[in-house]
Amino acid sequence: MSQFDFNKIDDFDDHINKSIPNYDLLIDSIKSMSEYFYVKSASIYDLGCSTGKLLKSLPFECKKVGYDNSNLLPSVDGDSNLEFQNVDLNGKFPISNACIVYSIFTMQFLDPLKRKAYLTRIYDGLMSGGCLFIAEKIYQEHGQAQEVFSFSHYDYKLKQFKAEDILKKERDLRYNMKPMEDEKLTHLLKGCQFRIVSPFWQMYNFKAYIAVR
């Protein structure tokens, strides 16, 4: 059997909605809170933008840039404020004059040794008072909590997918998805000089934070 590949999913956005419980609430929360950090003269970046759905749904009149190493990148549909680029986020990528940066379940797929450089690049590209919205799959520090959350998530996914498909995806993702513990992720964000690091959403082992420069 071929290895699981996000690029081969027929409807990526539907797949994510079925895979992560309350994902729609997460995105709605991000869009609502973004209003507090939006600056018309600045730029918004989505790192790991996949189909570009989030950027395209924003009502803001500013430059919006999506980066991803993917064949899912969409067209801009004549919107002069939108831009999508095929970029390897393990390497260098330009960010400047950003009021908002999104990293939604992206860093967990990056080389663990390059994550500090990734966050530092984001921090350096944010304007003072700018915000990083970051969501990641995390490991629980207590074994019992990890087991309860993991198997509750499997129960949820069994309502959407076949058991053999869930197992195959888990086996395939072990090679390229490396989650961190909650405490280590928070420590890494604070170590990159973000003055505010605060969680705002969690469902099982999926957690989201704002990190403000």
Protein backbone atom coordinates (compact mmCIF):
# COMPACT_ATOMS: atom_id res chain seq x y z
CA MET A 1 0.00 0.00 0.00
CA SER A 2 1.20 3.53 -0.74
CA GLN A 3 2.23 5.80 2.12
CA PHE A 4 -0.29 8.35 3.38
CA ASP A 5 0.18 11.72 1.69
CA PHE A 6 -1.83 14.89 2.45
CA ASN A 7 -1.29 15.97 -1.18
CA LYS A 8 -3.33 12.98 -2.39
CA ILE A 9 -6.45 13.72 -0.34
CA ASP A 10 -9.41 14.53 -2.61
CA ASP A 11 -10.96 17.10 -0.23
CA PHE A 12 -8.28 18.27 2.18
CA ASP A 13 -10.46 20.73 4.13
CA ASP A 14 -13.17 18.13 4.69
CA HIS A 15 -10.56 15.58 5.79
CA ILE A 16 -9.15 17.95 8.43
CA ASN A 17 -12.62 18.77 9.73
CA LYS A 18 -13.33 15.06 10.15
CA SER A 19 -9.93 14.36 11.73
CA ILE A 20 -9.78 17.10 14.39
CA PRO A 21 -12.85 17.54 16.60
CA ASN A 22 -14.13 21.11 16.86
CA TYR A 23 -11.70 22.22 14.16
CA ASP A 24 -14.34 24.62 12.83
CA LEU A 25 -14.55 26.27 16.27
CA LEU A 26 -10.77 26.67 16.30
CA ILE A 27 -10.78 28.44 12.93
CA ASP A 28 -13.75 30.64 13.89
CA SER A 29 -11.93 31.61 17.11
CA ILE A 30 -8.75 32.45 15.21
CA LYS A 31 -10.63 34.64 12.75
CA SER A 32 -12.48 36.44 15.55
CA MET A 33 -9.32 37.13 17.60
CA SER A 34 -7.43 38.22 14.51
CA GLU A 35 -9.53 41.37 14.47
CA TYR A 36 -7.58 42.58 17.52
CA PHE A 37 -4.24 42.35 15.71
CA TYR A 38 -5.14 43.30 12.13
CA VAL A 39 -3.31 46.34 10.71
CA LYS A 40 -4.30 47.41 7.21
CA SER A 41 -0.82 48.62 6.30
CA ALA A 42 0.80 45.36 7.43
CA SER A 43 0.76 41.77 6.11
CA ILE A 44 -0.73 38.44 7.18
CA TYR A 45 1.07 35.13 6.62
CA ASP A 46 -0.26 31.58 6.76
CA LEU A 47 2.54 29.01 7.11
CA GLY A 48 1.36 25.63 5.93
CA CYS A 49 -1.64 27.19 4.21
CA SER A 50 -2.63 24.03 2.25
CA THR A 51 -5.70 25.01 0.16
CA GLY A 52 -5.57 28.66 1.31
CA LYS A 53 -9.08 28.47 2.79
CA LEU A 54 -8.22 30.46 5.91
CA LEU A 55 -6.55 33.34 4.07
CA LYS A 56 -9.30 33.47 1.47
CA SER A 57 -11.97 33.70 4.17
CA LEU A 58 -10.42 36.71 5.92
CA PRO A 59 -12.28 40.00 5.37
CA PHE A 60 -9.14 42.10 5.94
CA GLU A 61 -7.86 44.48 3.27
CA CYS A 62 -4.14 43.87 3.46
CA LYS A 63 -1.45 41.72 1.87
CA LYS A 64 -2.07 38.02 2.63
CA VAL A 65 0.64 35.46 1.88
CA GLY A 66 0.41 31.68 2.10
CA TYR A 67 3.42 29.36 2.17
CA ASP A 68 3.35 25.58 1.84
CA ASN A 69 5.38 22.78 0.31
CA SER A 70 2.33 21.34 -1.40
CA ASN A 71 0.55 20.78 -4.68
CA LEU A 72 -2.69 21.93 -3.05
CA LEU A 73 -1.86 25.63 -3.40
CA PRO A 74 -4.82 27.46 -4.94
CA SER A 75 -5.08 30.25 -7.47
CA VAL A 76 -5.58 33.79 -6.17
CA ASP A 77 -8.79 34.23 -8.20
CA GLY A 78 -7.89 37.76 -9.24
CA ASP A 79 -7.36 39.00 -5.67
CA SER A 80 -4.33 41.31 -5.83
CA ASN A 81 -3.90 41.09 -2.04
CA LEU A 82 -3.44 37.30 -2.10
CA GLU A 83 -0.23 35.43 -2.82
CA PHE A 84 0.63 31.72 -2.52
CA GLN A 85 4.13 30.28 -2.76
CA ASN A 86 5.50 26.74 -2.71
CA VAL A 87 8.08 26.96 0.09
CA ASP A 88 9.93 24.43 2.27
CA LEU A 89 9.29 25.76 5.78
CA ASN A 90 12.30 23.85 7.11
CA GLY A 91 14.41 26.43 5.32
CA LYS A 92 14.40 30.19 4.95
CA PHE A 93 11.23 32.03 4.01
CA PRO A 94 10.57 35.78 3.98
CA ILE A 95 8.32 37.40 6.57
CA SER A 96 8.25 41.15 7.08
CA ASN A 97 5.91 43.80 8.46
CA ALA A 98 3.52 41.09 9.67
CA CYS A 99 0.65 41.89 12.01
CA ILE A 100 -0.50 38.25 12.08
CA VAL A 101 1.12 34.90 11.34
CA TYR A 102 -0.78 31.61 11.33
CA SER A 103 0.92 28.26 11.94
CA ILE A 104 -1.95 25.79 12.20
CA PHE A 105 -0.77 22.20 12.74
CA THR A 106 2.36 22.93 10.73
CA MET A 107 5.39 22.96 13.02
CA GLN A 108 4.76 19.38 14.15
CA PHE A 109 5.81 18.27 10.65
CA LEU A 110 9.06 20.28 10.64
CA ASP A 111 12.50 19.04 11.63
CA PRO A 112 12.63 19.34 15.46
CA LEU A 113 16.14 20.80 15.19
CA LYS A 114 14.83 23.63 12.97
CA ARG A 115 11.80 24.66 14.98
CA LYS A 116 13.54 27.33 17.02
CA ALA A 117 14.82 28.94 13.80
CA TYR A 118 11.28 28.70 12.38
CA LEU A 119 9.78 30.52 15.38
CA THR A 120 12.62 33.06 15.49
CA ARG A 121 12.02 33.89 11.83
CA ILE A 122 8.35 34.46 12.62
CA TYR A 123 9.18 36.63 15.64
CA ASP A 124 11.64 38.74 13.64
CA GLY A 125 9.05 39.27 10.89
CA LEU A 126 6.27 40.38 13.23
CA MET A 127 5.73 44.03 13.99
CA SER A 128 5.65 45.08 17.63
CA GLY A 129 2.32 43.89 19.05
CA GLY A 130 1.91 41.39 16.21
CA CYS A 131 0.53 37.93 16.94
CA LEU A 132 1.39 34.35 16.05
CA PHE A 133 -1.55 31.96 16.15
CA ILE A 134 -0.06 28.49 16.53
CA ALA A 135 -1.88 25.17 16.86
CA GLU A 136 -0.09 21.87 17.39
CA LYS A 137 -0.74 18.28 18.30
CA ILE A 138 0.95 17.81 21.66
CA TYR A 139 1.90 15.02 24.03
CA GLN A 140 0.48 15.00 27.53
CA GLU A 141 3.05 14.87 30.30
CA HIS A 142 0.97 12.41 32.33
CA GLY A 143 0.61 8.94 30.80
CA GLN A 144 -2.99 8.46 31.88
CA ALA A 145 -4.08 11.75 30.32
CA GLN A 146 -2.23 10.83 27.11
CA GLU A 147 -4.05 7.49 26.94
CA VAL A 148 -7.48 8.96 27.68
CA PHE A 149 -7.09 11.75 25.11
CA SER A 150 -5.59 9.51 22.41
CA PHE A 151 -8.25 6.80 22.60
CA SER A 152 -11.09 9.32 22.88
CA HIS A 153 -9.75 10.83 19.68
CA TYR A 154 -9.71 7.39 18.03
CA ASP A 155 -13.33 6.90 19.08
CA TYR A 156 -14.18 10.20 17.41
CA LYS A 157 -12.36 9.29 14.19
CA LEU A 158 -14.06 5.89 14.01
CA LYS A 159 -17.28 7.79 13.34
CA GLN A 160 -15.66 9.31 10.26
CA PHE A 161 -13.14 6.74 8.95
CA LYS A 162 -12.53 2.99 8.76
CA ALA A 163 -10.35 1.50 11.49
CA GLU A 164 -7.78 0.22 9.00
CA ASP A 165 -7.46 3.69 7.44
CA ILE A 166 -6.92 5.28 10.87
CA LEU A 167 -4.21 2.74 11.73
CA LYS A 168 -2.47 3.14 8.39
CA LYS A 169 -2.39 6.93 8.72
CA GLU A 170 -0.99 6.66 12.25
CA ARG A 171 1.74 4.30 11.04
CA ASP A 172 2.65 6.56 8.11
CA LEU A 173 2.67 9.80 10.12
CA ARG A 174 5.15 8.44 12.66
CA TYR A 175 7.92 9.15 10.15
CA ASN A 176 7.20 12.85 9.57
CA MET A 177 5.06 14.13 12.48
CA LYS A 178 6.94 14.76 15.73
CA PRO A 179 4.70 16.43 18.35
CA MET A 180 6.14 18.13 21.43
CA GLU A 181 5.05 18.18 25.06
CA ASP A 182 2.91 21.17 26.01
CA GLU A 183 5.49 22.49 28.46
CA LYS A 184 8.33 22.25 25.92
CA LEU A 185 6.34 24.07 23.25
CA THR A 186 5.47 26.89 25.66
CA HIS A 187 9.11 27.08 26.76
CA LEU A 188 10.25 27.25 23.13
CA LEU A 189 7.85 30.11 22.34
CA LYS A 190 8.93 32.08 25.39
CA GLY A 191 12.57 31.38 24.55
CA CYS A 192 12.01 33.08 21.20
CA GLN A 193 11.12 36.26 23.14
CA PHE A 194 7.34 36.32 22.66
CA ARG A 195 6.14 38.46 25.59
CA ILE A 196 2.70 36.79 25.78
CA VAL A 197 2.14 33.06 25.31
CA SER A 198 -1.38 31.96 26.15
CA PRO A 199 -3.50 28.92 25.19
CA PHE A 200 -7.01 29.60 23.92
CA TRP A 201 -8.33 26.28 22.54
CA GLN A 202 -7.82 22.59 23.22
CA MET A 203 -9.47 19.35 22.14
CA TYR A 204 -7.80 16.16 23.32
CA ASN A 205 -4.14 16.37 22.21
CA PHE A 206 -4.72 19.34 19.90
CA LYS A 207 -3.96 22.74 21.40
CA ALA A 208 -3.75 26.34 20.16
CA TYR A 209 -1.97 29.39 21.56
CA ILE A 210 -1.47 33.05 20.84
CA ALA A 211 2.09 34.33 21.02
CA VAL A 212 2.39 38.10 20.93
CA ARG A 213 5.57 40.01 20.14
